[in-house]
Amino acid sequence: MNDRQGKLLLLAATVLIAMLLYPPFVRPGLNGYTSDAGYGWLVFPPRMNSYYTDSVNIPLLAIQELVAAAAFAAVYFYLGRKRNA
């Protein structure tokens, strides 16, 4: 691992943890429907009113994490390839 790859790993860890701490939320609705509640801090989720608590949109969060991890992995391997002069 070279220096640029190490810095990229630190950046990737920071971004992925930030995505976990600031996830997308969904709001329960009538008849089982849900609506987007936006993003919010994990410990302070957005609230519509005192009766319902918004919940984390786990499928969307998983997709975001996987796409970000794949993008960082691609850049990591690109930075690690040997260059012929």
N, C-alpha and C. Protein backbone atom coordinates (compact mmCIF):
# COMPACT_ATOMS: atom_id res chain seq x y z
N MET A 1 0.85 -1.17 0.00
CA MET A 1 0.00 0.00 0.00
C MET A 1 0.89 1.23 0.00
N ASN A 2 0.58 2.15 -0.90
CA ASN A 2 1.36 3.37 -0.96
C ASN A 2 0.67 4.47 -0.13
N ASP A 3 1.29 5.63 -0.10
CA ASP A 3 0.81 6.73 0.73
C ASP A 3 -0.56 7.22 0.28
N ARG A 4 -0.77 7.29 -1.04
CA ARG A 4 -2.07 7.78 -1.54
C ARG A 4 -3.18 6.79 -1.21
N GLN A 5 -2.89 5.50 -1.24
CA GLN A 5 -3.89 4.51 -0.88
C GLN A 5 -4.25 4.61 0.60
N GLY A 6 -3.26 4.88 1.43
CA GLY A 6 -3.52 5.04 2.86
C GLY A 6 -4.42 6.23 3.15
N LYS A 7 -4.16 7.33 2.45
CA LYS A 7 -5.00 8.51 2.62
C LYS A 7 -6.42 8.24 2.11
N LEU A 8 -6.53 7.49 1.03
CA LEU A 8 -7.84 7.16 0.50
C LEU A 8 -8.62 6.28 1.48
N LEU A 9 -7.95 5.33 2.12
CA LEU A 9 -8.62 4.49 3.11
C LEU A 9 -9.15 5.31 4.28
N LEU A 10 -8.38 6.28 4.72
CA LEU A 10 -8.83 7.16 5.80
C LEU A 10 -10.04 7.97 5.35
N LEU A 11 -10.00 8.50 4.13
CA LEU A 11 -11.14 9.24 3.60
C LEU A 11 -12.37 8.34 3.46
N ALA A 12 -12.17 7.12 2.97
CA ALA A 12 -13.29 6.19 2.80
C ALA A 12 -13.93 5.85 4.14
N ALA A 13 -13.12 5.59 5.15
CA ALA A 13 -13.66 5.28 6.47
C ALA A 13 -14.44 6.46 7.02
N THR A 14 -13.93 7.66 6.83
CA THR A 14 -14.61 8.86 7.31
C THR A 14 -15.95 9.04 6.62
N VAL A 15 -15.98 8.88 5.31
CA VAL A 15 -17.22 9.06 4.55
C VAL A 15 -18.25 7.99 4.92
N LEU A 16 -17.83 6.74 5.01
CA LEU A 16 -18.76 5.66 5.32
C LEU A 16 -19.33 5.80 6.74
N ILE A 17 -18.52 6.21 7.69
CA ILE A 17 -19.02 6.43 9.05
C ILE A 17 -19.96 7.62 9.08
N ALA A 18 -19.63 8.68 8.34
CA ALA A 18 -20.53 9.84 8.28
C ALA A 18 -21.88 9.46 7.67
N MET A 19 -21.86 8.59 6.68
CA MET A 19 -23.12 8.14 6.08
C MET A 19 -23.95 7.34 7.09
N LEU A 20 -23.29 6.60 7.96
CA LEU A 20 -24.02 5.85 8.99
C LEU A 20 -24.59 6.77 10.06
N LEU A 21 -23.88 7.83 10.37
CA LEU A 21 -24.34 8.76 11.41
C LEU A 21 -25.41 9.73 10.92
N TYR A 22 -25.52 9.92 9.62
CA TYR A 22 -26.49 10.85 9.02
C TYR A 22 -27.27 10.10 7.94
N PRO A 23 -28.12 9.13 8.35
CA PRO A 23 -28.79 8.25 7.38
C PRO A 23 -30.09 8.84 6.83
N PRO A 24 -30.62 8.20 5.78
CA PRO A 24 -31.94 8.59 5.27
C PRO A 24 -33.04 8.01 6.17
N PHE A 25 -34.11 8.76 6.34
CA PHE A 25 -35.23 8.32 7.18
C PHE A 25 -36.50 8.21 6.35
N VAL A 26 -37.41 7.35 6.80
CA VAL A 26 -38.74 7.24 6.22
C VAL A 26 -39.76 7.51 7.31
N ARG A 27 -40.90 8.00 6.87
CA ARG A 27 -41.98 8.36 7.79
C ARG A 27 -43.16 7.42 7.55
N PRO A 28 -43.69 6.79 8.61
CA PRO A 28 -44.84 5.91 8.43
C PRO A 28 -46.07 6.71 8.03
N GLY A 29 -46.88 6.10 7.17
CA GLY A 29 -48.10 6.77 6.72
C GLY A 29 -49.30 5.87 6.91
N LEU A 30 -50.38 6.23 6.30
CA LEU A 30 -51.61 5.46 6.39
C LEU A 30 -51.55 4.23 5.51
N ASN A 31 -52.21 3.18 5.95
CA ASN A 31 -52.33 1.92 5.18
C ASN A 31 -50.98 1.30 4.82
N GLY A 32 -49.97 1.50 5.64
CA GLY A 32 -48.68 0.88 5.38
C GLY A 32 -47.77 1.62 4.43
N TYR A 33 -48.23 2.73 3.89
CA TYR A 33 -47.39 3.52 3.00
C TYR A 33 -46.36 4.29 3.81
N THR A 34 -45.24 4.55 3.19
CA THR A 34 -44.20 5.36 3.84
C THR A 34 -43.83 6.50 2.91
N SER A 35 -43.32 7.56 3.49
CA SER A 35 -42.84 8.68 2.69
C SER A 35 -41.45 9.07 3.16
N ASP A 36 -40.72 9.69 2.26
CA ASP A 36 -39.36 10.11 2.56
C ASP A 36 -39.37 11.21 3.62
N ALA A 37 -38.55 11.06 4.63
CA ALA A 37 -38.46 12.08 5.69
C ALA A 37 -37.16 12.85 5.60
N GLY A 38 -36.33 12.54 4.61
CA GLY A 38 -35.06 13.24 4.45
C GLY A 38 -33.96 12.59 5.27
N TYR A 39 -32.90 13.34 5.44
CA TYR A 39 -31.74 12.87 6.19
C TYR A 39 -31.70 13.56 7.53
N GLY A 40 -31.12 12.88 8.51
CA GLY A 40 -31.00 13.48 9.83
C GLY A 40 -29.97 12.73 10.65
N TRP A 41 -29.58 13.33 11.75
CA TRP A 41 -28.63 12.67 12.63
C TRP A 41 -29.26 11.43 13.23
N LEU A 42 -28.49 10.39 13.38
CA LEU A 42 -28.99 9.11 13.88
C LEU A 42 -29.59 9.25 15.27
N VAL A 43 -28.97 10.06 16.12
CA VAL A 43 -29.47 10.21 17.50
C VAL A 43 -30.61 11.21 17.61
N PHE A 44 -30.82 12.05 16.57
CA PHE A 44 -31.91 13.03 16.56
C PHE A 44 -32.67 12.90 15.24
N PRO A 45 -33.49 11.85 15.09
CA PRO A 45 -34.19 11.66 13.82
C PRO A 45 -35.22 12.77 13.58
N PRO A 46 -35.52 13.04 12.31
CA PRO A 46 -36.55 14.04 12.02
C PRO A 46 -37.90 13.56 12.56
N ARG A 47 -38.73 14.48 13.04
CA ARG A 47 -40.04 14.10 13.58
C ARG A 47 -41.13 14.92 12.93
N MET A 48 -42.20 14.23 12.56
CA MET A 48 -43.34 14.92 11.99
C MET A 48 -44.23 15.44 13.12
N ASN A 49 -44.49 14.58 14.09
CA ASN A 49 -45.26 14.95 15.27
C ASN A 49 -44.87 14.02 16.40
N SER A 50 -45.50 14.15 17.52
CA SER A 50 -45.10 13.36 18.68
C SER A 50 -45.63 11.92 18.63
N TYR A 51 -46.55 11.61 17.69
CA TYR A 51 -47.13 10.27 17.65
C TYR A 51 -46.28 9.27 16.88
N TYR A 52 -45.59 9.74 15.86
CA TYR A 52 -44.81 8.84 15.02
C TYR A 52 -43.34 9.20 15.10
N THR A 53 -42.51 8.18 15.13
CA THR A 53 -41.07 8.38 15.05
C THR A 53 -40.59 7.86 13.70
N ASP A 54 -39.86 8.68 13.01
CA ASP A 54 -39.32 8.26 11.72
C ASP A 54 -38.27 7.18 11.95
N SER A 55 -38.13 6.29 10.98
CA SER A 55 -37.16 5.21 11.10
C SER A 55 -36.15 5.29 9.96
N VAL A 56 -35.03 4.64 10.16
CA VAL A 56 -33.96 4.65 9.17
C VAL A 56 -34.39 3.81 7.97
N ASN A 57 -34.15 4.33 6.79
CA ASN A 57 -34.44 3.62 5.55
C ASN A 57 -33.25 2.69 5.27
N ILE A 58 -33.30 1.50 5.84
CA ILE A 58 -32.19 0.55 5.78
C ILE A 58 -31.83 0.15 4.34
N PRO A 59 -32.80 -0.18 3.48
CA PRO A 59 -32.40 -0.55 2.10
C PRO A 59 -31.66 0.57 1.37
N LEU A 60 -32.14 1.79 1.49
CA LEU A 60 -31.46 2.90 0.82
C LEU A 60 -30.07 3.13 1.41
N LEU A 61 -29.95 3.05 2.73
CA LEU A 61 -28.65 3.22 3.37
C LEU A 61 -27.67 2.13 2.92
N ALA A 62 -28.15 0.90 2.81
CA ALA A 62 -27.28 -0.20 2.36
C ALA A 62 -26.80 0.04 0.93
N ILE A 63 -27.70 0.49 0.06
CA ILE A 63 -27.31 0.77 -1.32
C ILE A 63 -26.28 1.89 -1.37
N GLN A 64 -26.49 2.95 -0.60
CA GLN A 64 -25.54 4.06 -0.57
C GLN A 64 -24.17 3.60 -0.09
N GLU A 65 -24.15 2.80 0.98
CA GLU A 65 -22.88 2.31 1.52
C GLU A 65 -22.16 1.42 0.51
N LEU A 66 -22.90 0.53 -0.16
CA LEU A 66 -22.28 -0.37 -1.13
C LEU A 66 -21.72 0.38 -2.34
N VAL A 67 -22.47 1.35 -2.83
CA VAL A 67 -21.99 2.13 -3.98
C VAL A 67 -20.75 2.93 -3.60
N ALA A 68 -20.77 3.56 -2.44
CA ALA A 68 -19.61 4.34 -1.99
C ALA A 68 -18.39 3.42 -1.78
N ALA A 69 -18.61 2.27 -1.16
CA ALA A 69 -17.50 1.33 -0.94
C ALA A 69 -16.93 0.83 -2.27
N ALA A 70 -17.80 0.55 -3.24
CA ALA A 70 -17.32 0.10 -4.55
C ALA A 70 -16.53 1.19 -5.26
N ALA A 71 -17.00 2.43 -5.15
CA ALA A 71 -16.27 3.53 -5.78
C ALA A 71 -14.90 3.71 -5.13
N PHE A 72 -14.85 3.67 -3.80
CA PHE A 72 -13.57 3.80 -3.12
C PHE A 72 -12.65 2.63 -3.45
N ALA A 73 -13.20 1.42 -3.57
CA ALA A 73 -12.38 0.24 -3.92
C ALA A 73 -11.79 0.39 -5.32
N ALA A 74 -12.58 0.90 -6.25
CA ALA A 74 -12.08 1.09 -7.61
C ALA A 74 -10.92 2.09 -7.63
N VAL A 75 -11.08 3.19 -6.91
CA VAL A 75 -10.01 4.20 -6.86
C VAL A 75 -8.79 3.63 -6.14
N TYR A 76 -9.02 2.85 -5.09
CA TYR A 76 -7.91 2.24 -4.34
C TYR A 76 -7.07 1.36 -5.26
N PHE A 77 -7.72 0.50 -6.05
CA PHE A 77 -6.98 -0.38 -6.94
C PHE A 77 -6.33 0.39 -8.09
N TYR A 78 -6.98 1.45 -8.54
CA TYR A 78 -6.37 2.29 -9.57
C TYR A 78 -5.10 2.95 -9.06
N LEU A 79 -5.12 3.42 -7.82
CA LEU A 79 -3.92 4.07 -7.25
C LEU A 79 -2.80 3.06 -6.97
N GLY A 80 -3.16 1.80 -6.81
CA GLY A 80 -2.16 0.78 -6.48
C GLY A 80 -1.51 0.10 -7.67
N ARG A 81 -2.03 0.35 -8.86
CA ARG A 81 -1.46 -0.33 -10.02
C ARG A 81 -0.07 0.20 -10.32
N LYS A 82 0.73 -0.67 -10.88
CA LYS A 82 2.09 -0.28 -11.22
C LYS A 82 2.10 0.45 -12.55
N ARG A 83 2.86 1.49 -12.61
CA ARG A 83 2.95 2.28 -13.84
C ARG A 83 4.28 2.01 -14.51
N ASN A 84 4.21 1.69 -15.77
CA ASN A 84 5.43 1.47 -16.54
C ASN A 84 5.88 2.79 -17.16
N ALA A 85 7.15 3.10 -16.95
CA ALA A 85 7.67 4.38 -17.48
C ALA A 85 8.33 4.18 -18.82
